[in-house]
Protein backbone atom coordinates (compact mmCIF):
# COMPACT_ATOMS: atom_id res chain seq x y z
CA MET A 1 -0.04 0.06 -0.06
CA LEU A 2 2.48 2.54 0.93
CA THR A 3 4.50 1.68 -2.18
CA GLU A 4 1.50 2.60 -4.55
CA LEU A 5 0.93 5.45 -2.36
CA ILE A 6 4.70 6.93 -2.59
CA SER A 7 4.46 6.10 -6.54
CA THR A 8 1.19 8.25 -6.77
CA GLY A 9 3.19 11.37 -5.47
CA ALA A 10 1.28 11.80 -2.43
CA SER A 11 2.12 14.25 0.10
CA LYS A 12 4.32 13.64 2.82
CA ASP A 13 1.25 14.18 5.05
CA GLY A 14 -0.63 11.54 3.36
CA ILE A 15 1.88 9.01 3.76
CA THR A 16 2.20 9.77 7.35
CA SER A 17 -1.36 9.62 7.74
CA GLN A 18 -1.43 6.10 6.14
CA ILE A 19 1.38 4.81 8.35
CA ASP A 20 -0.50 5.98 11.42
CA HIS A 21 -3.38 4.29 10.30
CA ILE A 22 -1.38 1.01 9.40
CA ARG A 23 0.53 1.29 12.91
CA ASP A 24 -3.23 1.59 14.82
CA ALA A 25 -4.98 -1.23 13.04
CA THR A 26 -1.64 -3.43 13.74
CA LYS A 27 -1.94 -2.66 17.23
CA ARG A 28 -5.66 -3.36 17.07
CA LEU A 29 -4.95 -6.90 15.42
CA THR A 30 -2.07 -7.67 18.03
CA SER A 31 -4.33 -6.88 20.87
CA MET A 32 -7.00 -9.51 19.40
CA VAL A 33 -4.44 -12.29 18.93
CA ASN A 34 -3.28 -11.91 22.32
CA HIS A 35 -6.75 -12.05 23.92
CA LEU A 36 -7.24 -15.24 21.94
CA ILE A 37 -3.98 -16.60 22.76
CA SER A 38 -4.79 -15.81 26.56
CA ASP A 39 -8.44 -17.24 26.00
CA ALA A 40 -6.95 -20.71 24.49
CA MET A 41 -4.43 -21.05 27.16
CA ALA A 42 -7.14 -20.36 29.83
CA ASP A 43 -9.16 -22.84 27.74
CA ALA A 44 -6.51 -25.26 27.92
CA PHE A 45 -6.16 -25.46 31.84
CA ASP A 46 -10.01 -26.20 32.08
CA ILE A 47 -9.19 -29.78 30.09
CA THR A 48 -10.07 -32.95 32.11
CA ILE A 49 -8.24 -36.11 31.23
CA ARG A 50 -10.44 -39.00 31.68
CA ARG A 51 -9.00 -42.18 32.16
CA GLU A 52 -10.73 -45.32 30.56
CA PRO A 53 -9.68 -48.57 28.94
CA VAL A 54 -9.37 -47.72 24.89
CA ASP A 55 -9.10 -50.33 22.19
CA ILE A 56 -6.67 -48.46 20.32
CA ALA A 57 -6.32 -50.57 17.17
CA ALA A 58 -10.50 -50.07 17.09
CA LEU A 59 -10.06 -46.59 17.35
CA VAL A 60 -7.27 -46.31 14.69
CA ASN A 61 -9.83 -48.11 12.25
CA GLU A 62 -12.29 -45.94 13.38
CA VAL A 63 -10.60 -43.00 12.57
CA THR A 64 -9.40 -44.25 9.27
CA ASP A 65 -12.80 -44.76 8.18
CA ALA A 66 -13.91 -41.30 8.70
CA ASN A 67 -10.65 -40.02 6.98
CA GLN A 68 -10.88 -42.36 4.04
CA PRO A 69 -13.27 -40.01 1.56
CA LEU A 70 -10.38 -37.46 2.09
CA ALA A 71 -7.85 -39.92 0.96
CA VAL A 72 -9.99 -41.22 -1.99
CA ASN A 73 -10.26 -37.65 -3.17
CA LYS A 74 -6.64 -37.57 -3.51
CA GLN A 75 -6.33 -41.25 -4.90
CA GLN A 76 -4.31 -42.22 -1.95
CA THR A 77 -4.46 -45.46 -0.11
CA ILE A 78 -4.20 -46.10 3.43
CA ASN A 79 -3.06 -49.20 5.16
CA VAL A 80 -3.46 -50.02 8.61
CA SER A 81 -1.45 -52.44 10.60
CA ALA A 82 -3.16 -52.91 13.91
CA PRO A 83 -3.42 -56.29 15.88
CA SER A 84 -6.62 -56.50 17.59
CA ASN A 85 -7.41 -55.96 21.38
CA ILE A 86 -4.47 -53.70 22.10
CA VAL A 87 -5.91 -51.86 25.43
CA THR A 88 -4.31 -48.89 27.10
CA MET A 89 -5.80 -46.37 29.58
CA CYS A 90 -6.43 -42.91 28.15
CA ASP A 91 -8.88 -40.40 27.12
CA THR A 92 -10.82 -41.57 24.04
CA ASP A 93 -11.25 -38.19 23.17
CA ARG A 94 -7.82 -36.83 23.28
CA ILE A 95 -6.49 -39.80 21.64
CA ARG A 96 -8.88 -39.65 18.87
CA GLU A 97 -8.11 -35.90 18.15
CA ALA A 98 -4.43 -36.85 18.13
CA ILE A 99 -4.76 -39.54 15.26
CA ASP A 100 -6.85 -37.76 13.37
CA ASN A 101 -4.68 -34.81 13.39
CA LEU A 102 -1.55 -36.94 12.31
CA LEU A 103 -3.91 -38.88 9.70
CA SER A 104 -5.66 -36.02 8.14
CA ASN A 105 -1.78 -34.28 7.71
CA ALA A 106 -0.47 -37.46 6.38
CA ILE A 107 -3.68 -37.27 4.10
CA LYS A 108 -2.87 -33.42 3.50
CA TYR A 109 0.72 -33.69 2.79
CA SER A 110 0.98 -36.81 0.94
CA PRO A 111 1.37 -36.47 -2.78
CA ILE A 112 -1.83 -37.67 -5.05
CA GLY A 113 -1.71 -41.18 -5.32
CA GLY A 114 0.46 -41.65 -2.15
CA ARG A 115 0.14 -44.55 0.26
CA ILE A 116 -0.33 -43.87 3.84
CA SER A 117 0.53 -46.55 6.36
CA VAL A 118 -0.81 -46.74 9.91
CA ILE A 119 1.08 -49.18 12.35
CA VAL A 120 0.10 -50.07 15.80
CA THR A 121 2.14 -51.72 18.11
CA HIS A 122 2.36 -52.20 21.77
């Protein structure tokens, strides 16, 4: 914006005014971002972890099935190797989020026609 403003031959006062406007907008946006970060940090401390027995292999298969349409759109194949009945104590929702995040990132960043392998072990 400033480059265009200078190239039009705007006055020094006009340029200074624009700089002040940009500076004020930047301060407002920075303040908004800081408030959002502060709110997110406060929410993060409110998370309650529930420990319960979870069949990780079944959960991985469930999350894989949910992500399958995204992989199909990119002509990708997802191979899951997960022995049945691998049970661990964890928070189902948090582990589901983590697995979903890993799998969706694998789909997003793998090339078209790529292969994604998900391996579950003890």
